[in-house]
Every structure is written in C-alpha cells, then in structure tokens.
Amino acid sequence: LAAGKGVVVTTDLEVARAHATTCVTAPGGAVVIEDY
C-alpha cells in the first residue's frame, strides 16, 4: 500500500532504478516492474 503514490512511470532508467531501490530496501519491501 502506498496511498496511490507508489507508482513511478518514467523514461529515465536511473529514476526507475532509484524508485525500485527505495521500494525493495524498505522493511519487508518488494517491487513490481511491468510493461507500459
């Protein structure tokens, strides 16, 4: 759960990587990466 603000859609690979890192490094964190 992220109150509607847990999704990043970007053309910048570094921004995508940074958000993924933030998600998986949180306690119990996990991330879903999917096609646009």
PDB file of all heavy atoms in Angstrom:
ATOM      1  N   LEU A   1       0.835  -1.196   0.000  1.00  0.00           N
ATOM      2  CA  LEU A   1       0.000   0.000   0.000  1.00  0.00           C
ATOM      3  C   LEU A   1       0.868   1.243   0.000  1.00  0.00           C
ATOM      4  O   LEU A   1       1.845   1.335   0.715  1.00  0.00           O
ATOM      5  CB  LEU A   1      -0.894   0.020   1.241  1.00  0.00           C
ATOM      6  CG  LEU A   1      -1.893  -1.140   1.376  1.00  0.00           C
ATOM      7  CD1 LEU A   1      -2.678  -0.987   2.665  1.00  0.00           C
ATOM      8  CD2 LEU A   1      -2.805  -1.199   0.178  1.00  0.00           C
ATOM      9  N   ALA A   2       0.478   2.238  -0.826  1.00  0.00           N
ATOM     10  CA  ALA A   2       1.258   3.472  -0.904  1.00  0.00           C
ATOM     11  C   ALA A   2       0.359   4.684  -1.096  1.00  0.00           C
ATOM     12  O   ALA A   2       0.793   5.716  -1.589  1.00  0.00           O
ATOM     13  CB  ALA A   2       2.277   3.384  -2.037  1.00  0.00           C
ATOM     14  N   ALA A   3      -0.919   4.561  -0.707  1.00  0.00           N
ATOM     15  CA  ALA A   3      -1.884   5.668  -0.774  1.00  0.00           C
ATOM     16  C   ALA A   3      -1.960   6.286  -2.153  1.00  0.00           C
ATOM     17  O   ALA A   3      -2.133   7.488  -2.312  1.00  0.00           O
ATOM     18  CB  ALA A   3      -1.534   6.733   0.270  1.00  0.00           C
ATOM     19  N   GLY A   4      -1.833   5.434  -3.191  1.00  0.00           N
ATOM     20  CA  GLY A   4      -1.969   5.929  -4.555  1.00  0.00           C
ATOM     21  C   GLY A   4      -0.745   6.615  -5.104  1.00  0.00           C
ATOM     22  O   GLY A   4      -0.778   7.156  -6.212  1.00  0.00           O
ATOM     23  N   LYS A   5       0.371   6.607  -4.338  1.00  0.00           N
ATOM     24  CA  LYS A   5       1.553   7.341  -4.783  1.00  0.00           C
ATOM     25  C   LYS A   5       2.784   6.444  -4.881  1.00  0.00           C
ATOM     26  O   LYS A   5       3.914   6.923  -4.837  1.00  0.00           O
ATOM     27  CB  LYS A   5       1.824   8.522  -3.838  1.00  0.00           C
ATOM     28  CG  LYS A   5       0.689   9.546  -3.809  1.00  0.00           C
ATOM     29  CD  LYS A   5       1.027  10.752  -2.985  1.00  0.00           C
ATOM     30  CE  LYS A   5       0.955  10.489  -1.509  1.00  0.00           C
ATOM     31  NZ  LYS A   5      -0.415  10.274  -1.031  1.00  0.00           N
ATOM     32  N   GLY A   6       2.572   5.121  -5.017  1.00  0.00           N
ATOM     33  CA  GLY A   6       3.707   4.207  -5.037  1.00  0.00           C
ATOM     34  C   GLY A   6       4.185   3.832  -6.422  1.00  0.00           C
ATOM     35  O   GLY A   6       5.047   2.969  -6.573  1.00  0.00           O
ATOM     36  N   VAL A   7       3.649   4.485  -7.451  1.00  0.00           N
ATOM     37  CA  VAL A   7       3.967   4.128  -8.833  1.00  0.00           C
ATOM     38  C   VAL A   7       4.785   5.230  -9.490  1.00  0.00           C
ATOM     39  O   VAL A   7       4.446   6.411  -9.387  1.00  0.00           O
ATOM     40  CB  VAL A   7       2.679   3.888  -9.652  1.00  0.00           C
ATOM     41  CG1 VAL A   7       3.024   3.510 -11.087  1.00  0.00           C
ATOM     42  CG2 VAL A   7       1.831   2.812  -8.995  1.00  0.00           C
ATOM     43  N   VAL A   8       5.858   4.828 -10.162  1.00  0.00           N
ATOM     44  CA  VAL A   8       6.641   5.757 -10.976  1.00  0.00           C
ATOM     45  C   VAL A   8       6.617   5.273 -12.419  1.00  0.00           C
ATOM     46  O   VAL A   8       6.890   4.101 -12.694  1.00  0.00           O
ATOM     47  CB  VAL A   8       8.095   5.860 -10.469  1.00  0.00           C
ATOM     48  CG1 VAL A   8       8.987   6.525 -11.509  1.00  0.00           C
ATOM     49  CG2 VAL A   8       8.143   6.652  -9.168  1.00  0.00           C
ATOM     50  N   VAL A   9       6.224   6.164 -13.319  1.00  0.00           N
ATOM     51  CA  VAL A   9       6.274   5.901 -14.762  1.00  0.00           C
ATOM     52  C   VAL A   9       7.231   6.908 -15.356  1.00  0.00           C
ATOM     53  O   VAL A   9       6.992   8.117 -15.282  1.00  0.00           O
ATOM     54  CB  VAL A   9       4.878   6.032 -15.404  1.00  0.00           C
ATOM     55  CG1 VAL A   9       4.953   5.738 -16.896  1.00  0.00           C
ATOM     56  CG2 VAL A   9       3.880   5.102 -14.732  1.00  0.00           C
ATOM     57  N   THR A  10       8.333   6.442 -15.949  1.00  0.00           N
ATOM     58  CA  THR A  10       9.377   7.354 -16.387  1.00  0.00           C
ATOM     59  C   THR A  10      10.136   6.784 -17.589  1.00  0.00           C
ATOM     60  O   THR A  10      10.228   5.562 -17.748  1.00  0.00           O
ATOM     61  CB  THR A  10      10.367   7.639 -15.235  1.00  0.00           C
ATOM     62  OG1 THR A  10      11.406   8.516 -15.695  1.00  0.00           O
ATOM     63  CG2 THR A  10      11.002   6.349 -14.712  1.00  0.00           C
ATOM     64  N   THR A  11      10.673   7.670 -18.405  1.00  0.00           N
ATOM     65  CA  THR A  11      11.558   7.248 -19.493  1.00  0.00           C
ATOM     66  C   THR A  11      13.021   7.248 -19.052  1.00  0.00           C
ATOM     67  O   THR A  11      13.896   6.845 -19.810  1.00  0.00           O
ATOM     68  CB  THR A  11      11.403   8.182 -20.708  1.00  0.00           C
ATOM     69  OG1 THR A  11      11.671   9.530 -20.306  1.00  0.00           O
ATOM     70  CG2 THR A  11       9.990   8.103 -21.275  1.00  0.00           C
ATOM     71  N   ASP A  12      13.266   7.700 -17.820  1.00  0.00           N
ATOM     72  CA  ASP A  12      14.630   7.802 -17.288  1.00  0.00           C
ATOM     73  C   ASP A  12      14.957   6.536 -16.494  1.00  0.00           C
ATOM     74  O   ASP A  12      14.385   6.289 -15.429  1.00  0.00           O
ATOM     75  CB  ASP A  12      14.730   9.041 -16.392  1.00  0.00           C
ATOM     76  CG  ASP A  12      16.162   9.345 -15.956  1.00  0.00           C
ATOM     77  OD1 ASP A  12      16.929   8.387 -15.725  1.00  0.00           O
ATOM     78  OD2 ASP A  12      16.506  10.538 -15.829  1.00  0.00           O
ATOM     79  N   LEU A  13      15.885   5.744 -17.004  1.00  0.00           N
ATOM     80  CA  LEU A  13      16.229   4.473 -16.363  1.00  0.00           C
ATOM     81  C   LEU A  13      16.753   4.680 -14.945  1.00  0.00           C
ATOM     82  O   LEU A  13      16.451   3.890 -14.042  1.00  0.00           O
ATOM     83  CB  LEU A  13      17.265   3.725 -17.208  1.00  0.00           C
ATOM     84  CG  LEU A  13      17.718   2.356 -16.680  1.00  0.00           C
ATOM     85  CD1 LEU A  13      16.533   1.409 -16.505  1.00  0.00           C
ATOM     86  CD2 LEU A  13      18.753   1.740 -17.637  1.00  0.00           C
ATOM     87  N   GLU A  14      17.512   5.747 -14.730  1.00  0.00           N
ATOM     88  CA  GLU A  14      18.071   5.987 -13.397  1.00  0.00           C
ATOM     89  C   GLU A  14      16.976   6.316 -12.382  1.00  0.00           C
ATOM     90  O   GLU A  14      17.038   5.891 -11.233  1.00  0.00           O
ATOM     91  CB  GLU A  14      19.115   7.119 -13.449  1.00  0.00           C
ATOM     92  CG  GLU A  14      20.384   6.738 -14.193  1.00  0.00           C
ATOM     93  CD  GLU A  14      20.981   5.425 -13.672  1.00  0.00           C
ATOM     94  OE1 GLU A  14      21.110   5.278 -12.435  1.00  0.00           O
ATOM     95  OE2 GLU A  14      21.304   4.553 -14.501  1.00  0.00           O
ATOM     96  N   VAL A  15      15.968   7.063 -12.817  1.00  0.00           N
ATOM     97  CA  VAL A  15      14.837   7.365 -11.928  1.00  0.00           C
ATOM     98  C   VAL A  15      14.094   6.072 -11.588  1.00  0.00           C
ATOM     99  O   VAL A  15      13.696   5.840 -10.444  1.00  0.00           O
ATOM    100  CB  VAL A  15      13.890   8.384 -12.594  1.00  0.00           C
ATOM    101  CG1 VAL A  15      12.608   8.537 -11.789  1.00  0.00           C
ATOM    102  CG2 VAL A  15      14.579   9.733 -12.736  1.00  0.00           C
ATOM    103  N   ALA A  16      13.900   5.212 -12.586  1.00  0.00           N
ATOM    104  CA  ALA A  16      13.229   3.923 -12.361  1.00  0.00           C
ATOM    105  C   ALA A  16      14.019   3.070 -11.374  1.00  0.00           C
ATOM    106  O   ALA A  16      13.450   2.457 -10.456  1.00  0.00           O
ATOM    107  CB  ALA A  16      13.054   3.187 -13.688  1.00  0.00           C
ATOM    108  N   ARG A  17      15.334   3.019 -11.573  1.00  0.00           N
ATOM    109  CA  ARG A  17      16.177   2.232 -10.661  1.00  0.00           C
ATOM    110  C   ARG A  17      16.101   2.767  -9.235  1.00  0.00           C
ATOM    111  O   ARG A  17      16.034   2.005  -8.267  1.00  0.00           O
ATOM    112  CB  ARG A  17      17.624   2.261 -11.149  1.00  0.00           C
ATOM    113  CG  ARG A  17      17.910   1.352 -12.333  1.00  0.00           C
ATOM    114  CD  ARG A  17      19.325   1.562 -12.831  1.00  0.00           C
ATOM    115  NE  ARG A  17      19.701   0.589 -13.839  1.00  0.00           N
ATOM    116  CZ  ARG A  17      20.737   0.740 -14.660  1.00  0.00           C
ATOM    117  NH1 ARG A  17      21.480   1.837 -14.585  1.00  0.00           N
ATOM    118  NH2 ARG A  17      21.033  -0.196 -15.540  1.00  0.00           N
ATOM    119  N   ALA A  18      16.118   4.085  -9.114  1.00  0.00           N
ATOM    120  CA  ALA A  18      16.108   4.699  -7.782  1.00  0.00           C
ATOM    121  C   ALA A  18      14.812   4.371  -7.040  1.00  0.00           C
ATOM    122  O   ALA A  18      14.827   4.053  -5.847  1.00  0.00           O
ATOM    123  CB  ALA A  18      16.287   6.211  -7.907  1.00  0.00           C
ATOM    124  N   HIS A  19      13.676   4.432  -7.743  1.00  0.00           N
ATOM    125  CA  HIS A  19      12.398   4.124  -7.087  1.00  0.00           C
ATOM    126  C   HIS A  19      12.343   2.641  -6.708  1.00  0.00           C
ATOM    127  O   HIS A  19      11.881   2.286  -5.611  1.00  0.00           O
ATOM    128  CB  HIS A  19      11.229   4.468  -8.002  1.00  0.00           C
ATOM    129  CG  HIS A  19       9.888   4.260  -7.359  1.00  0.00           C
ATOM    130  ND1 HIS A  19       9.491   4.922  -6.215  1.00  0.00           N
ATOM    131  CD2 HIS A  19       8.845   3.445  -7.695  1.00  0.00           C
ATOM    132  CE1 HIS A  19       8.273   4.531  -5.879  1.00  0.00           C
ATOM    133  NE2 HIS A  19       7.858   3.634  -6.752  1.00  0.00           N
ATOM    134  N   ALA A  20      12.838   1.774  -7.590  1.00  0.00           N
ATOM    135  CA  ALA A  20      12.867   0.345  -7.287  1.00  0.00           C
ATOM    136  C   ALA A  20      13.709   0.075  -6.046  1.00  0.00           C
ATOM    137  O   ALA A  20      13.320  -0.710  -5.171  1.00  0.00           O
ATOM    138  CB  ALA A  20      13.407  -0.437  -8.480  1.00  0.00           C
ATOM    139  N   THR A  21      14.853   0.739  -5.954  1.00  0.00           N
ATOM    140  CA  THR A  21      15.731   0.573  -4.795  1.00  0.00           C
ATOM    141  C   THR A  21      15.035   1.015  -3.517  1.00  0.00           C
ATOM    142  O   THR A  21      15.104   0.342  -2.482  1.00  0.00           O
ATOM    143  CB  THR A  21      17.028   1.363  -4.998  1.00  0.00           C
ATOM    144  OG1 THR A  21      17.728   0.830  -6.131  1.00  0.00           O
ATOM    145  CG2 THR A  21      17.926   1.282  -3.770  1.00  0.00           C
ATOM    146  N   THR A  22      14.335   2.155  -3.587  1.00  0.00           N
ATOM    147  CA  THR A  22      13.605   2.651  -2.418  1.00  0.00           C
ATOM    148  C   THR A  22      12.572   1.637  -1.953  1.00  0.00           C
ATOM    149  O   THR A  22      12.405   1.395  -0.749  1.00  0.00           O
ATOM    150  CB  THR A  22      12.910   3.983  -2.751  1.00  0.00           C
ATOM    151  OG1 THR A  22      13.899   4.949  -3.116  1.00  0.00           O
ATOM    152  CG2 THR A  22      12.103   4.505  -1.568  1.00  0.00           C
ATOM    153  N   CYS A  23      11.885   1.015  -2.901  1.00  0.00           N
ATOM    154  CA  CYS A  23      10.835   0.051  -2.551  1.00  0.00           C
ATOM    155  C   CYS A  23      11.407  -1.213  -1.913  1.00  0.00           C
ATOM    156  O   CYS A  23      10.905  -1.679  -0.882  1.00  0.00           O
ATOM    157  CB  CYS A  23      10.033  -0.325  -3.794  1.00  0.00           C
ATOM    158  SG  CYS A  23       9.061   1.041  -4.495  1.00  0.00           S
ATOM    159  N   VAL A  24      12.443  -1.788  -2.513  1.00  0.00           N
ATOM    160  CA  VAL A  24      12.930  -3.090  -2.033  1.00  0.00           C
ATOM    161  C   VAL A  24      13.778  -2.969  -0.776  1.00  0.00           C
ATOM    162  O   VAL A  24      13.944  -3.961  -0.050  1.00  0.00           O
ATOM    163  CB  VAL A  24      13.730  -3.837  -3.136  1.00  0.00           C
ATOM    164  CG1 VAL A  24      12.838  -4.135  -4.326  1.00  0.00           C
ATOM    165  CG2 VAL A  24      14.975  -3.077  -3.551  1.00  0.00           C
ATOM    166  N   THR A  25      14.325  -1.790  -0.495  1.00  0.00           N
ATOM    167  CA  THR A  25      15.157  -1.638   0.699  1.00  0.00           C
ATOM    168  C   THR A  25      14.350  -1.232   1.926  1.00  0.00           C
ATOM    169  O   THR A  25      14.879  -1.195   3.032  1.00  0.00           O
ATOM    170  CB  THR A  25      16.278  -0.599   0.458  1.00  0.00           C
ATOM    171  OG1 THR A  25      15.698   0.631   0.012  1.00  0.00           O
ATOM    172  CG2 THR A  25      17.265  -1.104  -0.579  1.00  0.00           C
ATOM    173  N   ALA A  26      13.052  -0.945   1.752  1.00  0.00           N
ATOM    174  CA  ALA A  26      12.194  -0.675   2.906  1.00  0.00           C
ATOM    175  C   ALA A  26      11.936  -1.982   3.647  1.00  0.00           C
ATOM    176  O   ALA A  26      12.041  -3.065   3.067  1.00  0.00           O
ATOM    177  CB  ALA A  26      10.878  -0.058   2.436  1.00  0.00           C
ATOM    178  N   PRO A  27      11.609  -1.919   4.936  1.00  0.00           N
ATOM    179  CA  PRO A  27      11.320  -3.161   5.690  1.00  0.00           C
ATOM    180  C   PRO A  27      10.214  -3.962   5.019  1.00  0.00           C
ATOM    181  O   PRO A  27       9.120  -3.450   4.776  1.00  0.00           O
ATOM    182  CB  PRO A  27      10.876  -2.627   7.063  1.00  0.00           C
ATOM    183  CG  PRO A  27      11.520  -1.276   7.178  1.00  0.00           C
ATOM    184  CD  PRO A  27      11.547  -0.722   5.789  1.00  0.00           C
ATOM    185  N   GLY A  28      10.516  -5.228   4.698  1.00  0.00           N
ATOM    186  CA  GLY A  28       9.548  -6.080   4.012  1.00  0.00           C
ATOM    187  C   GLY A  28       9.249  -5.631   2.600  1.00  0.00           C
ATOM    188  O   GLY A  28       8.242  -6.026   2.013  1.00  0.00           O
ATOM    189  N   GLY A  29      10.137  -4.824   2.051  1.00  0.00           N
ATOM    190  CA  GLY A  29       9.872  -4.189   0.764  1.00  0.00           C
ATOM    191  C   GLY A  29       9.927  -5.124  -0.430  1.00  0.00           C
ATOM    192  O   GLY A  29      10.652  -6.117  -0.447  1.00  0.00           O
ATOM    193  N   ALA A  30       9.124  -4.789  -1.428  1.00  0.00           N
ATOM    194  CA  ALA A  30       9.114  -5.514  -2.698  1.00  0.00           C
ATOM    195  C   ALA A  30       8.613  -4.552  -3.760  1.00  0.00           C
ATOM    196  O   ALA A  30       7.992  -3.527  -3.466  1.00  0.00           O
ATOM    197  CB  ALA A  30       8.219  -6.746  -2.631  1.00  0.00           C
ATOM    198  N   VAL A  31       8.901  -4.883  -5.015  1.00  0.00           N
ATOM    199  CA  VAL A  31       8.531  -4.002  -6.112  1.00  0.00           C
ATOM    200  C   VAL A  31       8.048  -4.849  -7.278  1.00  0.00           C
ATOM    201  O   VAL A  31       8.451  -6.009  -7.425  1.00  0.00           O
ATOM    202  CB  VAL A  31       9.726  -3.109  -6.516  1.00  0.00           C
ATOM    203  CG1 VAL A  31      10.818  -3.920  -7.205  1.00  0.00           C
ATOM    204  CG2 VAL A  31       9.289  -1.953  -7.398  1.00  0.00           C
ATOM    205  N   VAL A  32       7.155  -4.295  -8.067  1.00  0.00           N
ATOM    206  CA  VAL A  32       6.696  -4.940  -9.299  1.00  0.00           C
ATOM    207  C   VAL A  32       7.085  -4.041 -10.466  1.00  0.00           C
ATOM    208  O   VAL A  32       6.756  -2.852 -10.476  1.00  0.00           O
ATOM    209  CB  VAL A  32       5.168  -5.171  -9.283  1.00  0.00           C
ATOM    210  CG1 VAL A  32       4.690  -5.664 -10.639  1.00  0.00           C
ATOM    211  CG2 VAL A  32       4.799  -6.170  -8.202  1.00  0.00           C
ATOM    212  N   ILE A  33       7.791  -4.612 -11.425  1.00  0.00           N
ATOM    213  CA  ILE A  33       8.219  -3.877 -12.620  1.00  0.00           C
ATOM    214  C   ILE A  33       7.475  -4.479 -13.802  1.00  0.00           C
ATOM    215  O   ILE A  33       7.461  -5.700 -13.979  1.00  0.00           O
ATOM    216  CB  ILE A  33       9.737  -3.971 -12.800  1.00  0.00           C
ATOM    217  CG1 ILE A  33      10.421  -3.186 -11.669  1.00  0.00           C
ATOM    218  CG2 ILE A  33      10.162  -3.436 -14.162  1.00  0.00           C
ATOM    219  CD1 ILE A  33      11.873  -3.494 -11.486  1.00  0.00           C
ATOM    220  N   GLU A  34       6.800  -3.619 -14.566  1.00  0.00           N
ATOM    221  CA  GLU A  34       5.957  -4.170 -15.622  1.00  0.00           C
ATOM    222  C   GLU A  34       6.002  -3.341 -16.893  1.00  0.00           C
ATOM    223  O   GLU A  34       6.482  -2.190 -16.899  1.00  0.00           O
ATOM    224  CB  GLU A  34       4.525  -4.320 -15.131  1.00  0.00           C
ATOM    225  CG  GLU A  34       3.837  -3.047 -14.725  1.00  0.00           C
ATOM    226  CD  GLU A  34       2.425  -3.309 -14.185  1.00  0.00           C
ATOM    227  OE1 GLU A  34       2.261  -4.226 -13.353  1.00  0.00           O
ATOM    228  OE2 GLU A  34       1.509  -2.599 -14.614  1.00  0.00           O
ATOM    229  N   ASP A  35       5.493  -3.927 -17.965  1.00  0.00           N
ATOM    230  CA  ASP A  35       5.419  -3.236 -19.248  1.00  0.00           C
ATOM    231  C   ASP A  35       4.461  -2.066 -19.167  1.00  0.00           C
ATOM    232  O   ASP A  35       3.454  -2.099 -18.452  1.00  0.00           O
ATOM    233  CB  ASP A  35       4.920  -4.193 -20.349  1.00  0.00           C
ATOM    234  CG  ASP A  35       5.988  -5.170 -20.810  1.00  0.00           C
ATOM    235  OD1 ASP A  35       7.172  -4.804 -20.784  1.00  0.00           O
ATOM    236  OD2 ASP A  35       5.627  -6.299 -21.186  1.00  0.00           O
ATOM    237  N   TYR A  36       4.759  -1.043 -19.939  1.00  0.00           N
ATOM    238  CA  TYR A  36       3.893   0.127 -20.034  1.00  0.00           C
ATOM    239  C   TYR A  36       2.695  -0.197 -20.923  1.00  0.00           C
ATOM    240  O   TYR A  36       2.833  -0.836 -21.966  1.00  0.00           O
ATOM    241  CB  TYR A  36       4.678   1.297 -20.624  1.00  0.00           C
ATOM    242  CG  TYR A  36       3.850   2.534 -20.858  1.00  0.00           C
ATOM    243  CD1 TYR A  36       3.487   3.354 -19.789  1.00  0.00           C
ATOM    244  CD2 TYR A  36       3.440   2.886 -22.141  1.00  0.00           C
ATOM    245  CE1 TYR A  36       2.732   4.490 -19.994  1.00  0.00           C
ATOM    246  CE2 TYR A  36       2.682   4.034 -22.363  1.00  0.00           C
ATOM    247  CZ  TYR A  36       2.333   4.824 -21.282  1.00  0.00           C
ATOM    248  OH  TYR A  36       1.590   5.954 -21.492  1.00  0.00           O
TER     249      TYR A  36
END
